[in-house]
Amino acid sequence: MGPLIVDSLRAGASVVLDFAGNRVDERARVRSLAEAAGAAHVLHFLEIDEEECLRRLLMRNESKSEGLYFASTTEAEFRAICRYFQVPTAEECLRITRYGG
């Protein structure tokens, strides 16, 4: 997907990646794609605790029946993903927009 992302950014399109920001190495890779395209980047970071994230996820799962989402994520899957999460830091040289709970 890297070349497609770079080409899309060079063409002036915005690209949103929602599963490429949990770890430092993933974020570095995404930043390198933006830099290769000469495009700006921003990481949108929700500063909320894990339990609030889970509560929102479970609410989202319930809305699946209303046609808003195509799949559900279990609590076990959520917990497994959270084990790998690393909070973004200034040392990563990212443009970060932070949002509170």
N, C-alpha and C. Protein backbone atom coordinates (compact mmCIF):
# COMPACT_ATOMS: atom_id res chain seq x y z
N MET A 1 0.81 -1.20 0.00
CA MET A 1 0.00 0.00 0.00
C MET A 1 0.86 1.26 0.00
N GLY A 2 2.11 1.14 0.41
CA GLY A 2 2.96 2.31 0.49
C GLY A 2 3.01 3.15 -0.77
N PRO A 3 3.31 2.53 -1.93
CA PRO A 3 3.36 3.33 -3.16
C PRO A 3 2.02 3.99 -3.50
N LEU A 4 0.93 3.32 -3.27
CA LEU A 4 -0.39 3.91 -3.53
C LEU A 4 -0.63 5.11 -2.62
N ILE A 5 -0.24 4.98 -1.35
CA ILE A 5 -0.41 6.09 -0.41
C ILE A 5 0.43 7.29 -0.85
N VAL A 6 1.68 7.05 -1.20
CA VAL A 6 2.55 8.14 -1.65
C VAL A 6 1.98 8.80 -2.91
N ASP A 7 1.56 7.99 -3.88
CA ASP A 7 0.99 8.54 -5.11
C ASP A 7 -0.26 9.36 -4.83
N SER A 8 -1.11 8.87 -3.94
CA SER A 8 -2.35 9.58 -3.60
C SER A 8 -2.03 10.91 -2.94
N LEU A 9 -1.06 10.91 -2.02
CA LEU A 9 -0.67 12.16 -1.36
C LEU A 9 -0.06 13.14 -2.36
N ARG A 10 0.77 12.65 -3.25
CA ARG A 10 1.38 13.52 -4.27
C ARG A 10 0.32 14.14 -5.18
N ALA A 11 -0.77 13.42 -5.37
CA ALA A 11 -1.87 13.92 -6.21
C ALA A 11 -2.75 14.91 -5.47
N GLY A 12 -2.46 15.11 -4.17
CA GLY A 12 -3.22 16.09 -3.40
C GLY A 12 -4.37 15.52 -2.59
N ALA A 13 -4.52 14.21 -2.61
CA ALA A 13 -5.61 13.59 -1.84
C ALA A 13 -5.20 13.43 -0.38
N SER A 14 -6.18 13.43 0.47
CA SER A 14 -5.96 13.11 1.88
C SER A 14 -6.05 11.61 2.04
N VAL A 15 -5.22 11.07 2.91
CA VAL A 15 -5.22 9.63 3.18
C VAL A 15 -5.38 9.45 4.68
N VAL A 16 -6.32 8.59 5.07
CA VAL A 16 -6.56 8.32 6.48
C VAL A 16 -6.26 6.85 6.74
N LEU A 17 -5.38 6.60 7.71
CA LEU A 17 -5.03 5.23 8.10
C LEU A 17 -5.42 5.09 9.57
N ASP A 18 -6.30 4.16 9.88
CA ASP A 18 -6.72 4.06 11.28
C ASP A 18 -6.09 2.88 12.01
N PHE A 19 -5.40 2.00 11.32
CA PHE A 19 -4.76 0.88 12.00
C PHE A 19 -3.25 0.92 11.84
N ALA A 20 -2.70 2.10 11.73
CA ALA A 20 -1.25 2.20 11.53
C ALA A 20 -0.63 3.13 12.56
N GLY A 21 -1.21 3.18 13.74
CA GLY A 21 -0.70 4.13 14.71
C GLY A 21 -0.54 3.62 16.12
N ASN A 22 -0.64 2.34 16.30
CA ASN A 22 -0.56 1.81 17.66
C ASN A 22 0.86 1.75 18.22
N ARG A 23 1.84 1.57 17.34
CA ARG A 23 3.22 1.39 17.81
C ARG A 23 4.14 2.43 17.17
N VAL A 24 5.26 2.68 17.84
CA VAL A 24 6.24 3.65 17.34
C VAL A 24 6.69 3.30 15.93
N ASP A 25 7.01 2.03 15.67
CA ASP A 25 7.49 1.65 14.34
C ASP A 25 6.43 1.84 13.27
N GLU A 26 5.16 1.59 13.59
CA GLU A 26 4.09 1.81 12.61
C GLU A 26 3.96 3.30 12.28
N ARG A 27 4.02 4.12 13.32
CA ARG A 27 3.89 5.56 13.10
C ARG A 27 5.08 6.11 12.31
N ALA A 28 6.26 5.58 12.54
CA ALA A 28 7.44 6.01 11.78
C ALA A 28 7.27 5.66 10.30
N ARG A 29 6.72 4.50 10.03
CA ARG A 29 6.49 4.08 8.64
C ARG A 29 5.51 5.02 7.94
N VAL A 30 4.43 5.33 8.62
CA VAL A 30 3.43 6.23 8.03
C VAL A 30 4.03 7.62 7.82
N ARG A 31 4.79 8.12 8.80
CA ARG A 31 5.43 9.42 8.66
C ARG A 31 6.37 9.42 7.46
N SER A 32 7.11 8.32 7.26
CA SER A 32 8.04 8.24 6.13
C SER A 32 7.30 8.29 4.80
N LEU A 33 6.10 7.75 4.74
CA LEU A 33 5.31 7.82 3.51
C LEU A 33 4.91 9.26 3.21
N ALA A 34 4.47 9.98 4.24
CA ALA A 34 4.10 11.38 4.06
C ALA A 34 5.32 12.19 3.62
N GLU A 35 6.45 11.94 4.25
CA GLU A 35 7.67 12.66 3.89
C GLU A 35 8.10 12.35 2.46
N ALA A 36 7.98 11.09 2.04
CA ALA A 36 8.34 10.71 0.67
C ALA A 36 7.47 11.43 -0.35
N ALA A 37 6.23 11.71 0.04
CA ALA A 37 5.31 12.40 -0.86
C ALA A 37 5.42 13.91 -0.74
N GLY A 38 6.19 14.40 0.23
CA GLY A 38 6.27 15.84 0.45
C GLY A 38 4.98 16.39 1.02
N ALA A 39 4.25 15.55 1.75
CA ALA A 39 2.95 15.93 2.29
C ALA A 39 3.02 16.11 3.80
N ALA A 40 2.13 16.94 4.29
CA ALA A 40 2.00 17.12 5.74
C ALA A 40 1.32 15.89 6.32
N HIS A 41 1.50 15.69 7.61
CA HIS A 41 0.84 14.59 8.28
C HIS A 41 0.33 15.07 9.62
N VAL A 42 -0.63 14.34 10.16
CA VAL A 42 -1.11 14.62 11.52
C VAL A 42 -1.59 13.30 12.11
N LEU A 43 -1.26 13.10 13.37
CA LEU A 43 -1.75 11.95 14.13
C LEU A 43 -2.83 12.46 15.06
N HIS A 44 -4.04 11.96 14.90
CA HIS A 44 -5.14 12.31 15.79
C HIS A 44 -5.14 11.31 16.92
N PHE A 45 -4.94 11.80 18.14
CA PHE A 45 -4.77 10.93 19.30
C PHE A 45 -5.83 11.22 20.34
N LEU A 46 -6.63 10.20 20.64
CA LEU A 46 -7.66 10.31 21.69
C LEU A 46 -7.04 9.96 23.03
N GLU A 47 -6.95 10.93 23.90
CA GLU A 47 -6.36 10.70 25.22
C GLU A 47 -7.46 10.29 26.20
N ILE A 48 -7.89 9.06 26.05
CA ILE A 48 -8.89 8.51 26.97
C ILE A 48 -8.39 7.15 27.46
N ASP A 49 -8.86 6.77 28.63
CA ASP A 49 -8.35 5.53 29.21
C ASP A 49 -8.95 4.30 28.52
N GLU A 50 -8.30 3.18 28.74
CA GLU A 50 -8.67 1.93 28.09
C GLU A 50 -10.12 1.53 28.36
N GLU A 51 -10.58 1.73 29.58
CA GLU A 51 -11.96 1.33 29.91
C GLU A 51 -12.98 2.17 29.16
N GLU A 52 -12.69 3.45 28.97
CA GLU A 52 -13.60 4.30 28.20
C GLU A 52 -13.58 3.88 26.73
N CYS A 53 -12.41 3.55 26.22
CA CYS A 53 -12.33 3.04 24.85
C CYS A 53 -13.17 1.78 24.69
N LEU A 54 -13.06 0.89 25.65
CA LEU A 54 -13.84 -0.35 25.59
C LEU A 54 -15.34 -0.05 25.64
N ARG A 55 -15.73 0.86 26.50
CA ARG A 55 -17.15 1.22 26.60
C ARG A 55 -17.66 1.73 25.25
N ARG A 56 -16.88 2.58 24.61
CA ARG A 56 -17.27 3.12 23.30
C ARG A 56 -17.30 2.03 22.24
N LEU A 57 -16.36 1.11 22.31
CA LEU A 57 -16.33 -0.01 21.37
C LEU A 57 -17.58 -0.86 21.50
N LEU A 58 -17.96 -1.16 22.72
CA LEU A 58 -19.15 -1.99 22.93
C LEU A 58 -20.40 -1.27 22.45
N MET A 59 -20.45 0.05 22.64
CA MET A 59 -21.58 0.82 22.10
C MET A 59 -21.59 0.75 20.58
N ARG A 60 -20.42 0.84 19.97
CA ARG A 60 -20.32 0.75 18.52
C ARG A 60 -20.79 -0.62 18.04
N ASN A 61 -20.38 -1.67 18.77
CA ASN A 61 -20.83 -3.02 18.41
C ASN A 61 -22.35 -3.10 18.39
N GLU A 62 -22.99 -2.48 19.36
CA GLU A 62 -24.46 -2.49 19.43
C GLU A 62 -25.06 -1.79 18.23
N SER A 63 -24.43 -0.75 17.73
CA SER A 63 -24.97 -0.01 16.59
C SER A 63 -24.80 -0.76 15.28
N LYS A 64 -24.03 -1.85 15.30
CA LYS A 64 -23.83 -2.66 14.09
C LYS A 64 -25.16 -3.08 13.50
N SER A 65 -26.11 -3.41 14.37
CA SER A 65 -27.41 -3.84 13.87
C SER A 65 -28.15 -2.71 13.17
N GLU A 66 -27.73 -1.48 13.39
CA GLU A 66 -28.34 -0.33 12.73
C GLU A 66 -27.65 -0.02 11.40
N GLY A 67 -26.69 -0.85 11.00
CA GLY A 67 -26.04 -0.68 9.72
C GLY A 67 -24.89 0.31 9.71
N LEU A 68 -24.43 0.75 10.89
CA LEU A 68 -23.35 1.74 10.93
C LEU A 68 -21.97 1.12 10.77
N TYR A 69 -21.78 -0.11 11.23
CA TYR A 69 -20.48 -0.77 11.16
C TYR A 69 -20.67 -2.17 10.62
N PHE A 70 -19.68 -2.65 9.88
CA PHE A 70 -19.80 -3.95 9.23
C PHE A 70 -19.34 -5.11 10.09
N ALA A 71 -18.61 -4.84 11.17
CA ALA A 71 -18.08 -5.93 11.98
C ALA A 71 -17.99 -5.49 13.44
N SER A 72 -17.94 -6.47 14.32
CA SER A 72 -17.78 -6.19 15.75
C SER A 72 -16.39 -6.62 16.19
N THR A 73 -15.92 -5.98 17.24
CA THR A 73 -14.66 -6.36 17.87
C THR A 73 -14.99 -6.82 19.28
N THR A 74 -14.47 -7.97 19.66
CA THR A 74 -14.75 -8.49 20.99
C THR A 74 -13.87 -7.80 22.03
N GLU A 75 -14.26 -7.95 23.29
CA GLU A 75 -13.43 -7.40 24.35
C GLU A 75 -12.05 -8.06 24.35
N ALA A 76 -12.01 -9.36 24.11
CA ALA A 76 -10.72 -10.07 24.08
C ALA A 76 -9.83 -9.53 22.96
N GLU A 77 -10.40 -9.27 21.79
CA GLU A 77 -9.62 -8.71 20.68
C GLU A 77 -9.12 -7.31 21.04
N PHE A 78 -9.99 -6.52 21.65
CA PHE A 78 -9.62 -5.18 22.07
C PHE A 78 -8.45 -5.22 23.05
N ARG A 79 -8.55 -6.08 24.05
CA ARG A 79 -7.48 -6.20 25.06
C ARG A 79 -6.16 -6.66 24.41
N ALA A 80 -6.26 -7.57 23.46
CA ALA A 80 -5.06 -8.05 22.77
C ALA A 80 -4.38 -6.91 22.01
N ILE A 81 -5.16 -6.09 21.34
CA ILE A 81 -4.61 -4.96 20.59
C ILE A 81 -3.98 -3.94 21.54
N CYS A 82 -4.65 -3.70 22.66
CA CYS A 82 -4.16 -2.70 23.63
C CYS A 82 -2.80 -3.07 24.22
N ARG A 83 -2.49 -4.33 24.28
CA ARG A 83 -1.20 -4.75 24.83
C ARG A 83 -0.03 -4.19 24.02
N TYR A 84 -0.27 -3.90 22.76
CA TYR A 84 0.80 -3.43 21.87
C TYR A 84 0.84 -1.91 21.75
N PHE A 85 -0.14 -1.22 22.30
CA PHE A 85 -0.22 0.22 22.12
C PHE A 85 0.91 0.94 22.85
N GLN A 86 1.50 1.92 22.16
CA GLN A 86 2.54 2.78 22.75
C GLN A 86 2.08 4.22 22.57
N VAL A 87 2.01 4.97 23.66
CA VAL A 87 1.58 6.36 23.61
C VAL A 87 2.58 7.16 22.77
N PRO A 88 2.10 7.98 21.84
CA PRO A 88 3.01 8.78 21.02
C PRO A 88 3.77 9.81 21.87
N THR A 89 5.02 10.05 21.49
CA THR A 89 5.87 10.98 22.23
C THR A 89 6.44 12.03 21.28
N ALA A 90 6.94 13.10 21.86
CA ALA A 90 7.55 14.18 21.07
C ALA A 90 8.76 13.70 20.28
N GLU A 91 9.46 12.70 20.79
CA GLU A 91 10.66 12.18 20.13
C GLU A 91 10.36 11.57 18.75
N GLU A 92 9.09 11.27 18.49
CA GLU A 92 8.72 10.66 17.20
C GLU A 92 8.62 11.69 16.08
N CYS A 93 8.70 12.97 16.43
CA CYS A 93 8.64 14.06 15.44
C CYS A 93 7.35 14.00 14.62
N LEU A 94 6.26 13.78 15.29
CA LEU A 94 4.95 13.75 14.64
C LEU A 94 4.20 15.03 14.93
N ARG A 95 3.35 15.41 14.02
CA ARG A 95 2.40 16.48 14.28
C ARG A 95 1.19 15.78 14.91
N ILE A 96 0.95 16.06 16.19
CA ILE A 96 -0.10 15.35 16.92
C ILE A 96 -1.20 16.31 17.34
N THR A 97 -2.44 15.95 17.03
CA THR A 97 -3.60 16.65 17.55
C THR A 97 -4.21 15.75 18.61
N ARG A 98 -4.27 16.26 19.82
CA ARG A 98 -4.76 15.46 20.94
C ARG A 98 -6.18 15.87 21.29
N TYR A 99 -6.98 14.86 21.63
CA TYR A 99 -8.37 15.07 22.03
C TYR A 99 -8.59 14.43 23.39
N GLY A 100 -9.23 15.15 24.29
CA GLY A 100 -9.55 14.60 25.59
C GLY A 100 -10.80 13.74 25.51
N GLY A 101 -11.09 13.04 26.61
CA GLY A 101 -12.25 12.15 26.66
C GLY A 101 -13.53 12.86 26.49
